[in-house]
Amino acid sequence: GSDSHSNSYGAVGAFGAGMGATDIAVALALGRTW
């Protein structure tokens, strides 16, 4: 997510991570991240 508190998704057992705009753009374009 494009917000630092995307960690919140761990509330249901997901690996949620906040990222900056460039990394979010890459994820939107490719459907993956590093």
PDB file of all heavy atoms in Angstrom:
ATOM      1  N   GLY A   1       0.820  -1.202   0.000  1.00  0.00           N
ATOM      2  CA  GLY A   1       0.000   0.000   0.000  1.00  0.00           C
ATOM      3  C   GLY A   1       0.848   1.244   0.000  1.00  0.00           C
ATOM      4  O   GLY A   1       2.009   1.228   0.436  1.00  0.00           O
ATOM      5  N   SER A   2       0.269   2.352  -0.460  1.00  0.00           N
ATOM      6  CA  SER A   2       1.005   3.612  -0.550  1.00  0.00           C
ATOM      7  C   SER A   2       0.982   4.385   0.755  1.00  0.00           C
ATOM      8  O   SER A   2       1.189   5.595   0.766  1.00  0.00           O
ATOM      9  CB  SER A   2       0.406   4.486  -1.666  1.00  0.00           C
ATOM     10  OG  SER A   2      -0.941   4.830  -1.366  1.00  0.00           O
ATOM     11  N   ASP A   3       0.745   3.689   1.854  1.00  0.00           N
ATOM     12  CA  ASP A   3       0.707   4.312   3.177  1.00  0.00           C
ATOM     13  C   ASP A   3       1.514   3.456   4.137  1.00  0.00           C
ATOM     14  O   ASP A   3       1.467   2.218   4.070  1.00  0.00           O
ATOM     15  CB  ASP A   3      -0.741   4.424   3.662  1.00  0.00           C
ATOM     16  CG  ASP A   3      -0.829   5.136   5.002  1.00  0.00           C
ATOM     17  OD1 ASP A   3      -0.879   6.381   5.003  1.00  0.00           O
ATOM     18  OD2 ASP A   3      -0.836   4.460   6.039  1.00  0.00           O
ATOM     19  N   SER A   4       2.235   4.107   5.042  1.00  0.00           N
ATOM     20  CA  SER A   4       3.125   3.371   5.944  1.00  0.00           C
ATOM     21  C   SER A   4       2.380   2.409   6.867  1.00  0.00           C
ATOM     22  O   SER A   4       2.948   1.415   7.322  1.00  0.00           O
ATOM     23  CB  SER A   4       3.945   4.352   6.788  1.00  0.00           C
ATOM     24  OG  SER A   4       3.093   5.154   7.596  1.00  0.00           O
ATOM     25  N   HIS A   5       1.097   2.684   7.131  1.00  0.00           N
ATOM     26  CA  HIS A   5       0.340   1.804   8.028  1.00  0.00           C
ATOM     27  C   HIS A   5      -0.333   0.643   7.300  1.00  0.00           C
ATOM     28  O   HIS A   5      -1.255   0.015   7.841  1.00  0.00           O
ATOM     29  CB  HIS A   5      -0.685   2.618   8.821  1.00  0.00           C
ATOM     30  CG  HIS A   5      -0.051   3.483   9.857  1.00  0.00           C
ATOM     31  ND1 HIS A   5       0.116   4.842   9.669  1.00  0.00           N
ATOM     32  CD2 HIS A   5       0.479   3.199  11.069  1.00  0.00           C
ATOM     33  CE1 HIS A   5       0.718   5.358  10.740  1.00  0.00           C
ATOM     34  NE2 HIS A   5       0.950   4.383  11.598  1.00  0.00           N
ATOM     35  N   SER A   6       0.157   0.333   6.099  1.00  0.00           N
ATOM     36  CA  SER A   6      -0.329  -0.856   5.400  1.00  0.00           C
ATOM     37  C   SER A   6       0.051  -2.136   6.142  1.00  0.00           C
ATOM     38  O   SER A   6      -0.435  -3.218   5.801  1.00  0.00           O
ATOM     39  CB  SER A   6       0.206  -0.886   3.964  1.00  0.00           C
ATOM     40  OG  SER A   6      -0.282   0.232   3.232  1.00  0.00           O
ATOM     41  N   ASN A   7       0.906  -2.019   7.145  1.00  0.00           N
ATOM     42  CA  ASN A   7       1.159  -3.140   8.064  1.00  0.00           C
ATOM     43  C   ASN A   7      -0.135  -3.654   8.669  1.00  0.00           C
ATOM     44  O   ASN A   7      -0.207  -4.804   9.130  1.00  0.00           O
ATOM     45  CB  ASN A   7       2.077  -2.688   9.210  1.00  0.00           C
ATOM     46  CG  ASN A   7       3.465  -2.291   8.746  1.00  0.00           C
ATOM     47  OD1 ASN A   7       3.706  -2.179   7.555  1.00  0.00           O
ATOM     48  ND2 ASN A   7       4.363  -2.075   9.672  1.00  0.00           N
ATOM     49  N   SER A   8      -1.168  -2.816   8.684  1.00  0.00           N
ATOM     50  CA  SER A   8      -2.441  -3.171   9.302  1.00  0.00           C
ATOM     51  C   SER A   8      -3.031  -4.464   8.765  1.00  0.00           C
ATOM     52  O   SER A   8      -3.800  -5.143   9.455  1.00  0.00           O
ATOM     53  CB  SER A   8      -3.466  -2.046   9.080  1.00  0.00           C
ATOM     54  OG  SER A   8      -3.017  -0.822   9.621  1.00  0.00           O
ATOM     55  N   TYR A   9      -2.672  -4.846   7.544  1.00  0.00           N
ATOM     56  CA  TYR A   9      -3.279  -6.023   6.926  1.00  0.00           C
ATOM     57  C   TYR A   9      -2.819  -7.318   7.593  1.00  0.00           C
ATOM     58  O   TYR A   9      -3.409  -8.382   7.382  1.00  0.00           O
ATOM     59  CB  TYR A   9      -2.993  -6.040   5.422  1.00  0.00           C
ATOM     60  CG  TYR A   9      -3.256  -4.685   4.781  1.00  0.00           C
ATOM     61  CD1 TYR A   9      -2.491  -4.200   3.731  1.00  0.00           C
ATOM     62  CD2 TYR A   9      -4.270  -3.846   5.272  1.00  0.00           C
ATOM     63  CE1 TYR A   9      -2.720  -2.959   3.170  1.00  0.00           C
ATOM     64  CE2 TYR A   9      -4.505  -2.590   4.729  1.00  0.00           C
ATOM     65  CZ  TYR A   9      -3.723  -2.153   3.678  1.00  0.00           C
ATOM     66  OH  TYR A   9      -3.948  -0.908   3.139  1.00  0.00           O
ATOM     67  N   GLY A  10      -1.803  -7.210   8.432  1.00  0.00           N
ATOM     68  CA  GLY A  10      -1.393  -8.355   9.241  1.00  0.00           C
ATOM     69  C   GLY A  10      -2.424  -8.722  10.289  1.00  0.00           C
ATOM     70  O   GLY A  10      -2.310  -9.767  10.949  1.00  0.00           O
ATOM     71  N   ALA A  11      -3.453  -7.895  10.437  1.00  0.00           N
ATOM     72  CA  ALA A  11      -4.534  -8.202  11.379  1.00  0.00           C
ATOM     73  C   ALA A  11      -5.253  -9.493  11.021  1.00  0.00           C
ATOM     74  O   ALA A  11      -5.863 -10.134  11.878  1.00  0.00           O
ATOM     75  CB  ALA A  11      -5.535  -7.048  11.429  1.00  0.00           C
ATOM     76  N   VAL A  12      -5.209  -9.868   9.744  1.00  0.00           N
ATOM     77  CA  VAL A  12      -5.861 -11.106   9.316  1.00  0.00           C
ATOM     78  C   VAL A  12      -4.849 -12.111   8.761  1.00  0.00           C
ATOM     79  O   VAL A  12      -5.223 -13.076   8.098  1.00  0.00           O
ATOM     80  CB  VAL A  12      -6.953 -10.828   8.267  1.00  0.00           C
ATOM     81  CG1 VAL A  12      -8.102 -10.063   8.886  1.00  0.00           C
ATOM     82  CG2 VAL A  12      -6.392 -10.058   7.071  1.00  0.00           C
ATOM     83  N   GLY A  13      -3.564 -11.881   9.027  1.00  0.00           N
ATOM     84  CA  GLY A  13      -2.544 -12.839   8.615  1.00  0.00           C
ATOM     85  C   GLY A  13      -1.930 -12.590   7.251  1.00  0.00           C
ATOM     86  O   GLY A  13      -1.296 -13.478   6.682  1.00  0.00           O
ATOM     87  N   ALA A  14      -2.080 -11.382   6.710  1.00  0.00           N
ATOM     88  CA  ALA A  14      -1.413 -11.029   5.458  1.00  0.00           C
ATOM     89  C   ALA A  14      -0.086 -10.345   5.763  1.00  0.00           C
ATOM     90  O   ALA A  14       0.095  -9.773   6.838  1.00  0.00           O
ATOM     91  CB  ALA A  14      -2.291 -10.107   4.615  1.00  0.00           C
ATOM     92  N   PHE A  15       0.834 -10.401   4.810  1.00  0.00           N
ATOM     93  CA  PHE A  15       2.088  -9.653   4.915  1.00  0.00           C
ATOM     94  C   PHE A  15       1.834  -8.319   4.246  1.00  0.00           C
ATOM     95  O   PHE A  15       1.918  -8.178   3.023  1.00  0.00           O
ATOM     96  CB  PHE A  15       3.233 -10.413   4.229  1.00  0.00           C
ATOM     97  CG  PHE A  15       4.594  -9.791   4.451  1.00  0.00           C
ATOM     98  CD1 PHE A  15       5.460 -10.307   5.397  1.00  0.00           C
ATOM     99  CD2 PHE A  15       5.011  -8.690   3.711  1.00  0.00           C
ATOM    100  CE1 PHE A  15       6.727  -9.755   5.599  1.00  0.00           C
ATOM    101  CE2 PHE A  15       6.254  -8.123   3.900  1.00  0.00           C
ATOM    102  CZ  PHE A  15       7.116  -8.663   4.850  1.00  0.00           C
ATOM    103  N   GLY A  16       1.445  -7.316   5.034  1.00  0.00           N
ATOM    104  CA  GLY A  16       1.157  -5.989   4.517  1.00  0.00           C
ATOM    105  C   GLY A  16       2.352  -5.080   4.693  1.00  0.00           C
ATOM    106  O   GLY A  16       2.960  -5.062   5.766  1.00  0.00           O
ATOM    107  N   ALA A  17       2.674  -4.328   3.654  1.00  0.00           N
ATOM    108  CA  ALA A  17       3.846  -3.453   3.733  1.00  0.00           C
ATOM    109  C   ALA A  17       3.564  -2.139   3.011  1.00  0.00           C
ATOM    110  O   ALA A  17       2.991  -2.124   1.920  1.00  0.00           O
ATOM    111  CB  ALA A  17       5.070  -4.132   3.111  1.00  0.00           C
ATOM    112  N   GLY A  18       3.977  -1.049   3.634  1.00  0.00           N
ATOM    113  CA  GLY A  18       3.869   0.258   3.019  1.00  0.00           C
ATOM    114  C   GLY A  18       5.057   0.527   2.118  1.00  0.00           C
ATOM    115  O   GLY A  18       6.180   0.128   2.426  1.00  0.00           O
ATOM    116  N   MET A  19       4.811   1.210   1.002  1.00  0.00           N
ATOM    117  CA  MET A  19       5.886   1.518   0.053  1.00  0.00           C
ATOM    118  C   MET A  19       5.697   2.917  -0.506  1.00  0.00           C
ATOM    119  O   MET A  19       4.595   3.470  -0.474  1.00  0.00           O
ATOM    120  CB  MET A  19       5.901   0.501  -1.100  1.00  0.00           C
ATOM    121  CG  MET A  19       6.302  -0.898  -0.688  1.00  0.00           C
ATOM    122  SD  MET A  19       6.420  -2.023  -2.113  1.00  0.00           S
ATOM    123  CE  MET A  19       7.241  -3.420  -1.327  1.00  0.00           C
ATOM    124  N   GLY A  20       6.764   3.471  -1.059  1.00  0.00           N
ATOM    125  CA  GLY A  20       6.709   4.779  -1.679  1.00  0.00           C
ATOM    126  C   GLY A  20       6.059   4.719  -3.055  1.00  0.00           C
ATOM    127  O   GLY A  20       5.781   3.642  -3.605  1.00  0.00           O
ATOM    128  N   ALA A  21       5.841   5.894  -3.639  1.00  0.00           N
ATOM    129  CA  ALA A  21       5.104   5.997  -4.896  1.00  0.00           C
ATOM    130  C   ALA A  21       5.767   5.226  -6.036  1.00  0.00           C
ATOM    131  O   ALA A  21       5.079   4.600  -6.854  1.00  0.00           O
ATOM    132  CB  ALA A  21       4.943   7.470  -5.273  1.00  0.00           C
ATOM    133  N   THR A  22       7.094   5.238  -6.099  1.00  0.00           N
ATOM    134  CA  THR A  22       7.780   4.548  -7.195  1.00  0.00           C
ATOM    135  C   THR A  22       7.577   3.047  -7.108  1.00  0.00           C
ATOM    136  O   THR A  22       7.263   2.379  -8.106  1.00  0.00           O
ATOM    137  CB  THR A  22       9.284   4.877  -7.182  1.00  0.00           C
ATOM    138  OG1 THR A  22       9.464   6.288  -7.347  1.00  0.00           O
ATOM    139  CG2 THR A  22      10.007   4.145  -8.303  1.00  0.00           C
ATOM    140  N   ASP A  23       7.746   2.483  -5.915  1.00  0.00           N
ATOM    141  CA  ASP A  23       7.543   1.040  -5.744  1.00  0.00           C
ATOM    142  C   ASP A  23       6.089   0.651  -5.965  1.00  0.00           C
ATOM    143  O   ASP A  23       5.796  -0.436  -6.478  1.00  0.00           O
ATOM    144  CB  ASP A  23       7.997   0.602  -4.354  1.00  0.00           C
ATOM    145  CG  ASP A  23       9.512   0.521  -4.225  1.00  0.00           C
ATOM    146  OD1 ASP A  23      10.161   0.086  -5.199  1.00  0.00           O
ATOM    147  OD2 ASP A  23      10.046   0.891  -3.172  1.00  0.00           O
ATOM    148  N   ILE A  24       5.162   1.521  -5.561  1.00  0.00           N
ATOM    149  CA  ILE A  24       3.743   1.241  -5.806  1.00  0.00           C
ATOM    150  C   ILE A  24       3.458   1.243  -7.300  1.00  0.00           C
ATOM    151  O   ILE A  24       2.709   0.407  -7.811  1.00  0.00           O
ATOM    152  CB  ILE A  24       2.855   2.261  -5.074  1.00  0.00           C
ATOM    153  CG1 ILE A  24       2.926   2.032  -3.560  1.00  0.00           C
ATOM    154  CG2 ILE A  24       1.413   2.170  -5.554  1.00  0.00           C
ATOM    155  CD1 ILE A  24       2.400   0.683  -3.098  1.00  0.00           C
ATOM    156  N   ALA A  25       4.057   2.178  -8.026  1.00  0.00           N
ATOM    157  CA  ALA A  25       3.880   2.212  -9.482  1.00  0.00           C
ATOM    158  C   ALA A  25       4.389   0.923 -10.124  1.00  0.00           C
ATOM    159  O   ALA A  25       3.749   0.372 -11.035  1.00  0.00           O
ATOM    160  CB  ALA A  25       4.596   3.428 -10.072  1.00  0.00           C
ATOM    161  N   VAL A  26       5.523   0.426  -9.663  1.00  0.00           N
ATOM    162  CA  VAL A  26       6.063  -0.833 -10.189  1.00  0.00           C
ATOM    163  C   VAL A  26       5.112  -1.986  -9.901  1.00  0.00           C
ATOM    164  O   VAL A  26       4.830  -2.826 -10.771  1.00  0.00           O
ATOM    165  CB  VAL A  26       7.458  -1.115  -9.593  1.00  0.00           C
ATOM    166  CG1 VAL A  26       7.922  -2.525  -9.951  1.00  0.00           C
ATOM    167  CG2 VAL A  26       8.474  -0.084 -10.085  1.00  0.00           C
ATOM    168  N   ALA A  27       4.590  -2.032  -8.671  1.00  0.00           N
ATOM    169  CA  ALA A  27       3.658  -3.094  -8.310  1.00  0.00           C
ATOM    170  C   ALA A  27       2.383  -3.018  -9.146  1.00  0.00           C
ATOM    171  O   ALA A  27       1.836  -4.045  -9.579  1.00  0.00           O
ATOM    172  CB  ALA A  27       3.322  -3.009  -6.824  1.00  0.00           C
ATOM    173  N   LEU A  28       1.892  -1.805  -9.402  1.00  0.00           N
ATOM    174  CA  LEU A  28       0.703  -1.634 -10.235  1.00  0.00           C
ATOM    175  C   LEU A  28       0.963  -2.073 -11.677  1.00  0.00           C
ATOM    176  O   LEU A  28       0.083  -2.627 -12.342  1.00  0.00           O
ATOM    177  CB  LEU A  28       0.266  -0.165 -10.233  1.00  0.00           C
ATOM    178  CG  LEU A  28      -0.412   0.347  -8.966  1.00  0.00           C
ATOM    179  CD1 LEU A  28      -0.589   1.865  -9.041  1.00  0.00           C
ATOM    180  CD2 LEU A  28      -1.759  -0.334  -8.747  1.00  0.00           C
ATOM    181  N   ALA A  29       2.157  -1.829 -12.154  1.00  0.00           N
ATOM    182  CA  ALA A  29       2.488  -2.155 -13.533  1.00  0.00           C
ATOM    183  C   ALA A  29       2.747  -3.644 -13.733  1.00  0.00           C
ATOM    184  O   ALA A  29       2.350  -4.232 -14.747  1.00  0.00           O
ATOM    185  CB  ALA A  29       3.709  -1.356 -13.983  1.00  0.00           C
ATOM    186  N   LEU A  30       3.413  -4.264 -12.767  1.00  0.00           N
ATOM    187  CA  LEU A  30       3.888  -5.633 -12.950  1.00  0.00           C
ATOM    188  C   LEU A  30       3.141  -6.676 -12.125  1.00  0.00           C
ATOM    189  O   LEU A  30       3.249  -7.878 -12.415  1.00  0.00           O
ATOM    190  CB  LEU A  30       5.384  -5.708 -12.613  1.00  0.00           C
ATOM    191  CG  LEU A  30       6.310  -4.754 -13.375  1.00  0.00           C
ATOM    192  CD1 LEU A  30       7.746  -4.934 -12.900  1.00  0.00           C
ATOM    193  CD2 LEU A  30       6.202  -4.970 -14.871  1.00  0.00           C
ATOM    194  N   GLY A  31       2.455  -6.240 -11.062  1.00  0.00           N
ATOM    195  CA  GLY A  31       1.787  -7.212 -10.196  1.00  0.00           C
ATOM    196  C   GLY A  31       2.732  -7.954  -9.289  1.00  0.00           C
ATOM    197  O   GLY A  31       2.386  -8.998  -8.726  1.00  0.00           O
ATOM    198  N   ARG A  32       3.905  -7.415  -9.113  1.00  0.00           N
ATOM    199  CA  ARG A  32       4.880  -8.035  -8.217  1.00  0.00           C
ATOM    200  C   ARG A  32       5.805  -6.974  -7.646  1.00  0.00           C
ATOM    201  O   ARG A  32       5.853  -5.845  -8.144  1.00  0.00           O
ATOM    202  CB  ARG A  32       5.676  -9.132  -8.923  1.00  0.00           C
ATOM    203  CG  ARG A  32       6.466  -8.684 -10.134  1.00  0.00           C
ATOM    204  CD  ARG A  32       7.117  -9.883 -10.824  1.00  0.00           C
ATOM    205  NE  ARG A  32       7.954  -9.495 -11.939  1.00  0.00           N
ATOM    206  CZ  ARG A  32       7.524  -9.340 -13.185  1.00  0.00           C
ATOM    207  NH1 ARG A  32       6.248  -9.535 -13.458  1.00  0.00           N
ATOM    208  NH2 ARG A  32       8.366  -8.979 -14.141  1.00  0.00           N
ATOM    209  N   THR A  33       6.554  -7.364  -6.620  1.00  0.00           N
ATOM    210  CA  THR A  33       7.492  -6.448  -5.981  1.00  0.00           C
ATOM    211  C   THR A  33       8.662  -7.250  -5.439  1.00  0.00           C
ATOM    212  O   THR A  33       8.644  -8.490  -5.457  1.00  0.00           O
ATOM    213  CB  THR A  33       6.805  -5.658  -4.855  1.00  0.00           C
ATOM    214  OG1 THR A  33       7.667  -4.604  -4.405  1.00  0.00           O
ATOM    215  CG2 THR A  33       6.477  -6.557  -3.661  1.00  0.00           C
ATOM    216  N   TRP A  34       9.678  -6.552  -4.983  1.00  0.00           N
ATOM    217  CA  TRP A  34      10.803  -7.246  -4.350  1.00  0.00           C
ATOM    218  C   TRP A  34      10.843  -6.915  -2.883  1.00  0.00           C
ATOM    219  O   TRP A  34      10.449  -5.826  -2.451  1.00  0.00           O
ATOM    220  CB  TRP A  34      12.141  -6.876  -5.026  1.00  0.00           C
ATOM    221  CG  TRP A  34      12.615  -5.480  -4.714  1.00  0.00           C
ATOM    222  CD1 TRP A  34      12.299  -4.343  -5.384  1.00  0.00           C
ATOM    223  CD2 TRP A  34      13.489  -5.092  -3.652  1.00  0.00           C
ATOM    224  NE1 TRP A  34      12.908  -3.254  -4.802  1.00  0.00           N
ATOM    225  CE2 TRP A  34      13.648  -3.689  -3.733  1.00  0.00           C
ATOM    226  CE3 TRP A  34      14.148  -5.791  -2.639  1.00  0.00           C
ATOM    227  CZ2 TRP A  34      14.439  -2.981  -2.838  1.00  0.00           C
ATOM    228  CZ3 TRP A  34      14.934  -5.081  -1.742  1.00  0.00           C
ATOM    229  CH2 TRP A  34      15.083  -3.689  -1.842  1.00  0.00           C
TER     230      TRP A  34
END
